[in-house]
Amino acid sequence: MNKFLNRAFLTSPIGIILLFQLFRLVLLPFMGLMPQDAYYYLYGQNLSWSYFDHPGMIGYLLRLTSEILGQSVFVIKLTDFLVTSSSLYFFYVLARHMLPIYKAKQALVLLVSTLFISIISFNSTPDVPLILFWTLSVLALYKAIFENKKGYWILAGIAMGLAFNSKYTSLFLQIGLIGFLAFSNRYRKLFGSPWLYACLILSVVLTAPVFYWNYEHEFASFLFQSSNRTDSISEFKLTPKYFFGAIGHQLFLLLPILFAVFITFTFKYVKRFFAKFKLPGDRQLFLLAFFIPTFLGFFALTPIYWVKLNWMMPSYITGVILAIAFFNQKLFRYQLIISAIFHLLIAIEVLFYIVPIKSDDTWVGWEELSVAIDEIQDRYPDTFIFSDDNYKTSAALNFYQDEKVYAQNIIGRSALHFDYLGDDLEILNGKNALFIDSDKRIKNEGKKTDFDPLLQSYFSEIKELEPIIIRRNGTMVRKFWVFYCQNYTKK
């Protein structure tokens, strides 16, 4: 292992990226469509200034690559892989500025060993472009501040604006920048620099598409992302499972050794500040400014609110660079061994699907479902298709089906961005439909025997058909209930 590490550290940064990404690249053709892939692909096929759940950068990227390379699951996965590989390269460039070259290479190897990188290499989410533009923002700000290169203020403003067009949590970039300057005795003077304000103004100007879309739609996205969560947090109800769930997620994403190091240095720096009112050096302070607000800020909410596993991801960029100072060869070796074991298990699961996932968040069964629905439509022609699970089944079927597939807005329920696609549901009046309902628990192969009473408000008659069963190696891995609904009436 030591000989391998020594050889790896002597290679080029691109070589290290290719070495660790090769495993993921080999797995790409075997990864099926995830619901998130399909949903954000739907973004790109319905171009808009922004979208209900998130800004549109991931959708724009998927649209671009599909126009160049064609529509396929592999092209979607390849987009995630290439964008994430770019993030890794610019992370290494940032680390080179902060660390000696051999330590920068260690930081790169440490980052690529995480399951966090595997997830954003395999699965389309707004975090894929967010991590890229977050890394570019921090790199440009470093050059603007520490190397006094004025042009990088403009590049930083552009990168921060594009990060916001990826995901709203990018606001922590501006918070980190202002926080660093406020606490740094040496660089506080930059508050008087016009370049700082040019950077911030440019970053705001580039958010115009998101604000314009929200203005046109009564600020629906901002309200969706803020009001409900603010209400939940204001209740201040302690829920231990949220806290332990967040720890479990971070242990999974970072692996135990790196997560423990994150907790260690976070405690160390926070304790030093509050106990001794002592701040670290400017470079460490700079890294902490883009780590503490996101990592510790979201962690502080976990006892009272369900913090999603990806919310802390941007903090990992500077967090890994900080963590290198706390790693010795023994810890480094253990981290890589644990990583190898986890990635081997992931490869086995992807290739052989040994443990069926009782959730719609799986890459298995969506294409087979589409084929089965085509066969049902041969028996029940002139039917439209819809589902009721926020977006997952509807988005996946939209990817595979030639005709449009609808979501739960068919029966008057909020359907995320499906509500904003401009569909005229009244043209469906009088038509028959196939309602697809995923059985996540899969207890047996039988029918459901009942249905949502709300369906009766929109259809004159409802008949349950035989369920669609998806098998792998003779084992049932997915099940979908199917209902034939007659004479739709839009309310």
Protein backbone atom coordinates (compact mmCIF):
# COMPACT_ATOMS: atom_id res chain seq x y z
CA MET A 1 0.00 0.00 0.00
CA ASN A 2 2.79 2.45 0.91
CA LYS A 3 4.60 1.76 -2.38
CA PHE A 4 1.34 2.34 -4.26
CA LEU A 5 0.75 5.64 -2.47
CA ASN A 6 4.29 6.81 -3.10
CA ARG A 7 3.95 6.08 -6.81
CA ALA A 8 0.56 7.77 -6.93
CA PHE A 9 1.89 10.93 -5.31
CA LEU A 10 4.60 11.17 -7.98
CA THR A 11 2.12 11.20 -10.85
CA SER A 12 0.46 14.25 -12.37
CA PRO A 13 -2.78 15.60 -10.88
CA ILE A 14 -4.66 14.55 -14.02
CA GLY A 15 -3.15 11.08 -13.63
CA ILE A 16 -4.42 10.83 -10.06
CA ILE A 17 -7.89 11.94 -11.12
CA LEU A 18 -7.95 9.34 -13.91
CA LEU A 19 -6.67 6.65 -11.55
CA PHE A 20 -9.48 7.11 -9.06
CA GLN A 21 -12.15 8.02 -11.58
CA LEU A 22 -11.37 4.98 -13.74
CA PHE A 23 -13.33 2.76 -11.37
CA ARG A 24 -16.35 5.05 -11.67
CA LEU A 25 -16.01 5.35 -15.44
CA VAL A 26 -16.03 1.56 -15.81
CA LEU A 27 -19.25 1.37 -13.76
CA LEU A 28 -21.06 4.08 -15.74
CA PRO A 29 -22.47 1.82 -18.49
CA PHE A 30 -23.96 -0.47 -15.85
CA MET A 31 -25.76 2.31 -13.96
CA GLY A 32 -29.43 2.55 -14.82
CA LEU A 33 -31.51 5.71 -14.82
CA MET A 34 -32.12 7.29 -11.42
CA PRO A 35 -35.33 9.33 -10.90
CA GLN A 36 -33.17 12.39 -10.23
CA ASP A 37 -31.43 11.90 -13.59
CA ALA A 38 -34.79 11.82 -15.34
CA TYR A 39 -36.23 14.80 -13.45
CA TYR A 40 -33.33 17.13 -14.18
CA TYR A 41 -33.17 15.86 -17.75
CA LEU A 42 -36.81 16.99 -17.93
CA TYR A 43 -35.57 20.44 -16.86
CA GLY A 44 -33.30 20.55 -19.88
CA GLN A 45 -36.00 19.42 -22.27
CA ASN A 46 -38.28 22.22 -21.02
CA LEU A 47 -35.90 25.18 -21.01
CA SER A 48 -36.78 27.97 -18.63
CA TRP A 49 -35.03 30.79 -16.78
CA SER A 50 -35.29 28.72 -13.62
CA TYR A 51 -37.39 25.96 -12.08
CA PHE A 52 -39.64 25.31 -9.12
CA ASP A 53 -37.33 23.12 -7.02
CA HIS A 54 -33.93 24.53 -7.97
CA PRO A 55 -32.18 26.78 -10.46
CA GLY A 56 -31.58 25.16 -13.81
CA MET A 57 -27.83 24.65 -14.30
CA ILE A 58 -27.94 20.85 -14.11
CA GLY A 59 -30.78 20.81 -16.63
CA TYR A 60 -28.88 23.10 -19.00
CA LEU A 61 -25.80 20.86 -18.85
CA LEU A 62 -27.85 17.74 -19.55
CA ARG A 63 -29.56 19.49 -22.45
CA LEU A 64 -26.19 20.52 -23.89
CA THR A 65 -24.65 17.05 -23.76
CA SER A 66 -27.82 15.37 -25.04
CA GLU A 67 -27.84 17.74 -28.03
CA ILE A 68 -24.23 16.84 -28.78
CA LEU A 69 -24.14 13.13 -27.91
CA GLY A 70 -27.80 12.12 -28.07
CA GLN A 71 -30.37 10.98 -25.51
CA SER A 72 -29.24 8.05 -23.41
CA VAL A 73 -28.73 7.12 -19.80
CA PHE A 74 -25.00 6.82 -20.42
CA VAL A 75 -24.79 10.41 -21.71
CA ILE A 76 -26.53 11.64 -18.56
CA LYS A 77 -24.09 9.74 -16.35
CA LEU A 78 -21.15 10.85 -18.48
CA THR A 79 -22.17 14.48 -17.95
CA ASP A 80 -22.06 14.03 -14.17
CA PHE A 81 -18.75 12.20 -14.43
CA LEU A 82 -17.07 14.86 -16.58
CA VAL A 83 -18.31 17.80 -14.51
CA THR A 84 -17.18 16.10 -11.30
CA SER A 85 -13.78 15.29 -12.83
CA SER A 86 -13.43 19.00 -13.64
CA SER A 87 -14.26 19.84 -10.03
CA LEU A 88 -11.51 17.48 -8.87
CA TYR A 89 -8.96 19.11 -11.14
CA PHE A 90 -9.74 22.63 -9.94
CA PHE A 91 -9.75 21.35 -6.35
CA TYR A 92 -6.18 20.20 -6.94
CA VAL A 93 -5.25 23.63 -8.35
CA LEU A 94 -6.70 25.23 -5.20
CA ALA A 95 -4.90 22.75 -2.93
CA ARG A 96 -1.59 23.50 -4.70
CA HIS A 97 -1.92 27.12 -3.62
CA MET A 98 -2.59 26.17 -0.01
CA LEU A 99 -0.30 23.17 0.52
CA PRO A 100 3.08 21.77 -0.51
CA ILE A 101 2.75 19.73 -3.69
CA TYR A 102 2.90 16.31 -2.02
CA LYS A 103 0.26 17.40 0.52
CA ALA A 104 -1.91 18.76 -2.29
CA LYS A 105 -1.72 15.36 -3.99
CA GLN A 106 -2.67 13.70 -0.71
CA ALA A 107 -5.66 16.02 -0.44
CA LEU A 108 -6.74 15.11 -3.97
CA VAL A 109 -6.43 11.38 -3.29
CA LEU A 110 -8.35 11.84 -0.03
CA LEU A 111 -11.19 13.66 -1.79
CA VAL A 112 -11.53 11.20 -4.67
CA SER A 113 -11.67 8.32 -2.19
CA THR A 114 -14.95 9.56 -0.70
CA LEU A 115 -18.38 8.21 -1.56
CA PHE A 116 -19.38 11.85 -1.95
CA ILE A 117 -17.45 11.96 -5.22
CA SER A 118 -18.97 8.66 -6.33
CA ILE A 119 -22.48 9.97 -5.76
CA ILE A 120 -22.04 13.15 -7.77
CA SER A 121 -20.19 11.19 -10.48
CA PHE A 122 -23.13 8.80 -10.90
CA ASN A 123 -26.25 10.82 -10.14
CA SER A 124 -27.58 14.04 -11.67
CA THR A 125 -28.41 16.61 -8.99
CA PRO A 126 -27.90 20.38 -8.67
CA ASP A 127 -24.88 19.54 -6.48
CA VAL A 128 -22.93 18.40 -9.55
CA PRO A 129 -22.51 21.90 -11.06
CA LEU A 130 -22.65 23.53 -7.60
CA ILE A 131 -19.45 21.76 -6.52
CA LEU A 132 -17.71 22.81 -9.73
CA PHE A 133 -18.63 26.50 -9.47
CA TRP A 134 -18.09 26.52 -5.68
CA THR A 135 -14.54 25.26 -6.22
CA LEU A 136 -13.91 27.77 -9.00
CA SER A 137 -15.29 30.57 -6.80
CA VAL A 138 -12.99 29.75 -3.88
CA LEU A 139 -10.01 29.41 -6.23
CA ALA A 140 -10.69 32.77 -7.92
CA LEU A 141 -11.22 34.49 -4.56
CA TYR A 142 -7.94 33.08 -3.30
CA LYS A 143 -6.08 34.54 -6.28
CA ALA A 144 -7.90 37.86 -5.98
CA ILE A 145 -7.19 38.23 -2.26
CA PHE A 146 -3.84 36.55 -1.61
CA GLU A 147 -2.18 37.18 -4.98
CA ASN A 148 -3.78 40.61 -5.50
CA LYS A 149 -4.85 39.74 -9.06
CA LYS A 150 -7.69 42.14 -9.76
CA GLY A 151 -9.12 40.28 -12.74
CA TYR A 152 -9.89 37.31 -10.54
CA TRP A 153 -12.48 39.37 -8.66
CA ILE A 154 -14.49 39.39 -11.89
CA LEU A 155 -13.98 35.65 -12.40
CA ALA A 156 -15.03 35.05 -8.80
CA GLY A 157 -18.21 37.07 -9.33
CA ILE A 158 -19.04 35.06 -12.45
CA ALA A 159 -18.36 31.75 -10.69
CA MET A 160 -20.48 32.72 -7.66
CA GLY A 161 -23.32 33.77 -9.94
CA LEU A 162 -23.17 30.46 -11.81
CA ALA A 163 -23.07 28.63 -8.49
CA PHE A 164 -26.32 30.35 -7.51
CA ASN A 165 -27.80 29.28 -10.83
CA SER A 166 -26.92 25.75 -9.71
CA LYS A 167 -28.31 25.73 -6.17
CA TYR A 168 -29.45 28.26 -3.57
CA THR A 169 -27.00 27.06 -0.91
CA SER A 170 -24.27 28.80 -2.91
CA LEU A 171 -25.20 31.90 -0.90
CA PHE A 172 -22.71 30.57 1.64
CA LEU A 173 -19.98 31.70 -0.78
CA GLN A 174 -20.85 35.35 -0.26
CA ILE A 175 -21.28 34.71 3.46
CA GLY A 176 -17.86 33.06 3.60
CA LEU A 177 -16.19 35.88 1.69
CA ILE A 178 -17.64 38.62 3.87
CA GLY A 179 -16.96 36.59 7.02
CA PHE A 180 -13.32 36.09 6.10
CA LEU A 181 -12.74 39.77 5.38
CA ALA A 182 -14.51 40.79 8.60
CA PHE A 183 -12.31 38.56 10.78
CA SER A 184 -9.01 39.08 8.97
CA ASN A 185 -6.98 41.99 10.32
CA ARG A 186 -4.77 42.06 7.25
CA TYR A 187 -7.45 41.86 4.55
CA ARG A 188 -10.25 43.79 6.21
CA LYS A 189 -9.08 46.77 4.21
CA LEU A 190 -10.57 45.15 1.10
CA PHE A 191 -13.96 46.37 2.24
CA GLY A 192 -12.78 49.64 0.73
CA SER A 193 -11.88 48.09 -2.61
CA PRO A 194 -14.18 48.66 -5.60
CA TRP A 195 -13.12 45.23 -6.90
CA LEU A 196 -14.86 43.50 -4.00
CA TYR A 197 -18.13 45.27 -4.75
CA ALA A 198 -17.73 44.64 -8.48
CA CYS A 199 -17.41 40.94 -7.63
CA LEU A 200 -20.48 40.91 -5.38
CA ILE A 201 -22.58 42.99 -7.78
CA LEU A 202 -21.65 40.76 -10.71
CA SER A 203 -22.56 37.66 -8.72
CA VAL A 204 -25.97 39.20 -8.02
CA VAL A 205 -26.50 40.29 -11.63
CA LEU A 206 -25.94 36.72 -12.79
CA THR A 207 -28.74 35.54 -10.47
CA ALA A 208 -31.20 37.56 -12.59
CA PRO A 209 -32.63 34.49 -14.41
CA VAL A 210 -33.62 32.89 -11.10
CA PHE A 211 -35.16 36.09 -9.73
CA TYR A 212 -36.95 36.75 -13.02
CA TRP A 213 -38.53 33.29 -13.02
CA ASN A 214 -39.57 33.71 -9.39
CA TYR A 215 -41.01 37.15 -10.12
CA GLU A 216 -43.08 35.70 -12.96
CA HIS A 217 -44.34 32.87 -10.73
CA GLU A 218 -45.10 34.73 -7.50
CA PHE A 219 -41.72 33.74 -5.99
CA ALA A 220 -42.88 30.12 -5.86
CA SER A 221 -39.41 28.60 -5.73
CA PHE A 222 -38.10 30.90 -3.00
CA LEU A 223 -41.21 30.26 -0.91
CA PHE A 224 -40.97 26.51 -1.45
CA GLN A 225 -37.32 26.44 -0.36
CA SER A 226 -37.72 28.76 2.62
CA SER A 227 -41.16 29.16 4.19
CA ASN A 228 -41.92 25.52 5.04
CA ARG A 229 -38.42 24.94 6.39
CA THR A 230 -38.50 28.14 8.42
CA ASP A 231 -41.79 27.08 9.96
CA SER A 232 -40.39 23.66 10.87
CA ILE A 233 -37.24 25.11 12.41
CA SER A 234 -39.21 27.73 14.37
CA GLU A 235 -41.17 24.95 16.09
CA PHE A 236 -37.86 23.93 17.75
CA LYS A 237 -38.89 20.35 18.39
CA LEU A 238 -35.96 18.17 19.38
CA THR A 239 -35.84 15.04 17.24
CA PRO A 240 -32.82 12.83 18.02
CA LYS A 241 -33.30 10.67 14.91
CA TYR A 242 -32.61 13.73 12.74
CA PHE A 243 -29.29 14.27 14.49
CA PHE A 244 -28.17 10.66 14.30
CA GLY A 245 -29.45 10.41 10.74
CA ALA A 246 -27.24 13.34 9.75
CA ILE A 247 -24.23 11.70 11.41
CA GLY A 248 -24.98 8.49 9.52
CA HIS A 249 -25.16 10.36 6.22
CA GLN A 250 -21.85 12.12 6.80
CA LEU A 251 -20.15 8.89 7.88
CA PHE A 252 -21.32 7.39 4.61
CA LEU A 253 -20.34 10.31 2.36
CA LEU A 254 -16.94 11.04 3.91
CA LEU A 255 -16.20 7.62 5.44
CA PRO A 256 -15.48 7.36 9.18
CA ILE A 257 -11.85 8.50 9.29
CA LEU A 258 -12.32 11.72 7.33
CA PHE A 259 -15.57 12.54 9.12
CA ALA A 260 -13.85 12.09 12.50
CA VAL A 261 -11.06 14.42 11.37
CA PHE A 262 -13.64 17.00 10.26
CA ILE A 263 -15.25 16.90 13.71
CA THR A 264 -11.84 17.08 15.40
CA PHE A 265 -10.55 20.18 13.67
CA THR A 266 -13.95 21.90 13.78
CA PHE A 267 -14.01 21.46 17.56
CA LYS A 268 -10.39 22.60 17.81
CA TYR A 269 -10.85 25.84 15.88
CA VAL A 270 -14.19 26.72 17.47
CA LYS A 271 -12.85 26.03 20.97
CA ARG A 272 -9.74 28.12 20.31
CA PHE A 273 -11.89 31.03 19.14
CA PHE A 274 -14.37 31.03 22.03
CA ALA A 275 -11.91 30.04 24.79
CA LYS A 276 -8.92 32.14 23.77
CA PHE A 277 -10.42 34.55 21.22
CA LYS A 278 -7.63 33.41 18.94
CA LEU A 279 -8.00 33.18 15.18
CA PRO A 280 -5.87 31.01 12.88
CA GLY A 281 -3.64 32.43 10.17
CA ASP A 282 -5.19 34.09 7.16
CA ARG A 283 -4.96 31.07 4.86
CA GLN A 284 -6.54 28.75 7.40
CA LEU A 285 -9.14 31.41 8.18
CA PHE A 286 -9.92 31.64 4.47
CA LEU A 287 -10.51 27.89 4.23
CA LEU A 288 -12.59 27.89 7.41
CA ALA A 289 -14.76 30.72 6.07
CA PHE A 290 -16.02 28.38 3.34
CA PHE A 291 -16.27 25.39 5.67
CA ILE A 292 -17.66 26.42 9.06
CA PRO A 293 -20.88 28.24 7.98
CA THR A 294 -22.00 25.35 5.74
CA PHE A 295 -20.75 22.35 7.74
CA LEU A 296 -21.32 23.56 11.28
CA GLY A 297 -24.30 25.74 10.35
CA PHE A 298 -26.31 22.85 8.94
CA PHE A 299 -25.08 20.46 11.63
CA ALA A 300 -26.45 22.84 14.27
CA LEU A 301 -29.92 22.38 12.76
CA THR A 302 -29.89 18.58 12.84
CA PRO A 303 -31.39 18.16 16.34
CA ILE A 304 -34.55 20.00 15.21
CA TYR A 305 -34.67 19.63 11.42
CA TRP A 306 -34.02 16.93 8.83
CA VAL A 307 -30.89 18.17 7.06
CA LYS A 308 -30.45 16.43 3.72
CA LEU A 309 -27.23 14.54 3.16
CA ASN A 310 -26.09 16.83 0.31
CA TRP A 311 -26.47 20.19 2.05
CA MET A 312 -23.01 20.03 3.63
CA MET A 313 -21.24 18.86 0.46
CA PRO A 314 -19.76 22.25 -0.59
CA SER A 315 -17.93 22.50 2.74
CA TYR A 316 -15.94 19.39 1.86
CA ILE A 317 -13.86 21.31 -0.69
CA THR A 318 -11.96 23.43 1.81
CA GLY A 319 -12.60 20.93 4.61
CA VAL A 320 -10.42 18.29 2.97
CA ILE A 321 -7.56 20.78 2.57
CA LEU A 322 -7.83 21.63 6.26
CA ALA A 323 -8.04 17.96 7.18
CA ILE A 324 -4.67 17.08 5.62
CA ALA A 325 -2.83 18.66 8.57
CA PHE A 326 -4.52 16.13 10.88
CA PHE A 327 -3.75 13.05 8.77
CA ASN A 328 -0.79 10.75 9.21
CA GLN A 329 0.11 7.83 6.97
CA LYS A 330 -1.70 5.37 9.24
CA LEU A 331 -5.00 7.28 9.10
CA PHE A 332 -4.55 7.85 5.41
CA ARG A 333 -4.06 4.12 4.81
CA TYR A 334 -7.15 3.23 6.86
CA GLN A 335 -9.24 5.77 4.95
CA LEU A 336 -8.22 4.27 1.61
CA ILE A 337 -8.78 0.68 2.77
CA ILE A 338 -12.28 1.54 4.01
CA SER A 339 -12.94 3.39 0.76
CA ALA A 340 -11.81 0.40 -1.31
CA ILE A 341 -14.14 -1.91 0.63
CA PHE A 342 -17.14 0.40 0.22
CA HIS A 343 -16.50 0.92 -3.48
CA LEU A 344 -16.13 -2.82 -4.03
CA LEU A 345 -19.51 -3.33 -2.36
CA ILE A 346 -21.01 -0.61 -4.55
CA ALA A 347 -19.64 -2.29 -7.67
CA ILE A 348 -21.12 -5.64 -6.62
CA GLU A 349 -24.49 -4.01 -5.95
CA VAL A 350 -24.51 -2.15 -9.27
CA LEU A 351 -23.50 -5.21 -11.28
CA PHE A 352 -25.55 -7.88 -9.51
CA TYR A 353 -28.18 -5.98 -7.46
CA ILE A 354 -27.79 -8.39 -4.56
CA VAL A 355 -29.71 -6.21 -2.08
CA PRO A 356 -32.96 -4.89 -3.62
CA ILE A 357 -33.62 -1.27 -2.69
CA LYS A 358 -37.15 -0.84 -1.36
CA SER A 359 -37.48 2.69 -2.61
CA ASP A 360 -38.08 4.57 -5.84
CA ASP A 361 -34.56 5.97 -5.44
CA THR A 362 -33.05 3.16 -7.47
CA TRP A 363 -31.55 2.68 -10.92
CA VAL A 364 -33.40 -0.60 -11.49
CA GLY A 365 -36.67 -1.26 -13.29
CA TRP A 366 -37.63 1.99 -14.96
CA GLU A 367 -36.97 0.91 -18.54
CA GLU A 368 -38.72 -2.42 -17.96
CA LEU A 369 -41.68 -0.52 -16.51
CA SER A 370 -41.92 1.58 -19.67
CA VAL A 371 -41.91 -1.53 -21.88
CA ALA A 372 -44.64 -3.14 -19.75
CA ILE A 373 -46.79 0.00 -19.98
CA ASP A 374 -46.47 -0.03 -23.77
CA GLU A 375 -47.89 -3.55 -23.74
CA ILE A 376 -50.79 -2.48 -21.50
CA GLN A 377 -51.55 0.47 -23.79
CA ASP A 378 -51.88 -1.97 -26.68
CA ARG A 379 -54.86 -3.42 -24.77
CA TYR A 380 -56.11 -0.04 -23.56
CA PRO A 381 -55.39 2.36 -26.44
CA ASP A 382 -55.78 6.15 -26.34
CA THR A 383 -54.93 6.33 -22.63
CA PHE A 384 -52.65 8.89 -21.04
CA ILE A 385 -50.29 7.96 -18.19
CA PHE A 386 -49.83 9.59 -14.81
CA SER A 387 -48.40 8.85 -11.38
CA ASP A 388 -48.54 10.33 -7.88
CA ASP A 389 -45.14 10.31 -6.16
CA ASN A 390 -43.97 13.94 -6.54
CA TYR A 391 -41.82 13.32 -9.61
CA LYS A 392 -39.99 9.99 -9.63
CA THR A 393 -42.17 7.62 -11.63
CA SER A 394 -43.48 10.39 -13.88
CA ALA A 395 -39.99 11.71 -14.64
CA ALA A 396 -38.54 8.25 -15.34
CA LEU A 397 -41.40 7.36 -17.67
CA ASN A 398 -41.13 10.71 -19.44
CA PHE A 399 -37.54 9.78 -20.29
CA TYR A 400 -38.49 6.44 -21.85
CA GLN A 401 -41.99 7.05 -23.23
CA ASP A 402 -42.63 8.69 -26.60
CA GLU A 403 -45.75 10.41 -25.27
CA LYS A 404 -46.06 12.85 -22.40
CA VAL A 405 -46.43 11.39 -18.90
CA TYR A 406 -48.20 13.43 -16.22
CA ALA A 407 -47.78 13.75 -12.46
CA GLN A 408 -50.17 14.17 -9.54
CA ASN A 409 -51.38 17.56 -10.77
CA ILE A 410 -53.82 15.42 -12.78
CA ILE A 411 -55.72 14.88 -9.53
CA GLY A 412 -55.20 18.39 -8.16
CA ARG A 413 -52.11 17.81 -6.05
CA SER A 414 -48.96 19.93 -6.10
CA ALA A 415 -46.50 18.32 -8.51
CA LEU A 416 -43.28 20.36 -8.17
CA HIS A 417 -42.09 21.61 -11.58
CA PHE A 418 -44.72 19.54 -13.39
CA ASP A 419 -47.10 22.33 -12.32
CA TYR A 420 -45.03 24.80 -14.38
CA LEU A 421 -44.62 22.94 -17.66
CA GLY A 422 -47.54 24.81 -19.22
CA ASP A 423 -49.71 21.72 -19.70
CA ASP A 424 -53.36 22.36 -20.55
CA LEU A 425 -54.99 19.54 -18.60
CA GLU A 426 -58.44 20.38 -19.95
CA ILE A 427 -57.54 18.76 -23.27
CA LEU A 428 -57.55 15.46 -21.36
CA ASN A 429 -61.22 15.79 -20.40
CA GLY A 430 -63.16 12.68 -21.33
CA LYS A 431 -60.02 10.61 -21.88
CA ASN A 432 -59.07 7.40 -20.10
CA ALA A 433 -55.83 6.98 -18.19
CA LEU A 434 -53.40 4.48 -16.72
CA PHE A 435 -52.47 5.39 -13.15
CA ILE A 436 -49.11 3.88 -12.09
CA ASP A 437 -48.49 3.47 -8.37
CA SER A 438 -45.13 2.17 -7.13
CA ASP A 439 -45.16 -0.45 -4.37
CA LYS A 440 -42.05 0.39 -2.37
CA ARG A 441 -42.38 -2.32 0.27
CA ILE A 442 -43.05 -5.25 -2.10
CA LYS A 443 -44.60 -7.70 0.34
CA ASN A 444 -46.24 -9.90 -2.30
CA GLU A 445 -47.14 -10.08 -5.99
CA GLY A 446 -50.85 -9.42 -5.51
CA LYS A 447 -53.04 -6.45 -6.37
CA LYS A 448 -53.44 -3.49 -4.07
CA THR A 449 -57.28 -3.99 -3.94
CA ASP A 450 -57.88 -0.35 -2.98
CA PHE A 451 -56.93 3.07 -4.33
CA ASP A 452 -56.73 6.71 -3.38
CA PRO A 453 -60.32 7.99 -3.00
CA LEU A 454 -59.25 11.23 -4.69
CA LEU A 455 -59.13 9.35 -8.00
CA GLN A 456 -62.92 9.00 -7.87
CA SER A 457 -63.26 12.78 -7.92
CA TYR A 458 -61.61 12.94 -11.33
CA PHE A 459 -62.60 9.67 -13.03
CA SER A 460 -66.02 8.05 -13.43
CA GLU A 461 -64.76 4.48 -13.06
CA ILE A 462 -61.55 2.89 -11.79
CA LYS A 463 -60.42 -0.68 -12.41
CA GLU A 464 -57.27 -2.26 -11.02
CA LEU A 465 -55.25 -4.26 -13.54
CA GLU A 466 -52.61 -6.89 -12.88
CA PRO A 467 -49.51 -5.34 -11.29
CA ILE A 468 -46.28 -4.94 -13.21
CA ILE A 469 -43.55 -7.11 -11.69
CA ILE A 470 -39.87 -6.47 -12.47
CA ARG A 471 -37.51 -9.37 -11.80
CA ARG A 472 -33.75 -9.79 -11.66
CA ASN A 473 -32.36 -13.33 -11.75
CA GLY A 474 -35.82 -14.65 -11.01
CA THR A 475 -36.28 -12.45 -7.94
CA MET A 476 -38.93 -9.72 -7.75
CA VAL A 477 -37.13 -6.39 -7.33
CA ARG A 478 -39.76 -3.81 -8.35
CA LYS A 479 -43.56 -3.79 -8.33
CA PHE A 480 -46.03 -1.27 -9.73
CA TRP A 481 -49.79 -1.26 -9.25
CA VAL A 482 -51.75 -0.28 -12.37
CA PHE A 483 -55.24 1.26 -12.48
CA TYR A 484 -57.36 1.84 -15.57
CA CYS A 485 -59.21 5.11 -14.97
CA GLN A 486 -62.06 6.13 -17.25
CA ASN A 487 -63.50 9.50 -18.34
CA TYR A 488 -61.19 12.12 -16.84
CA THR A 489 -62.77 15.40 -15.70
CA LYS A 490 -60.50 18.36 -14.92
CA LYS A 491 -61.70 20.19 -11.80
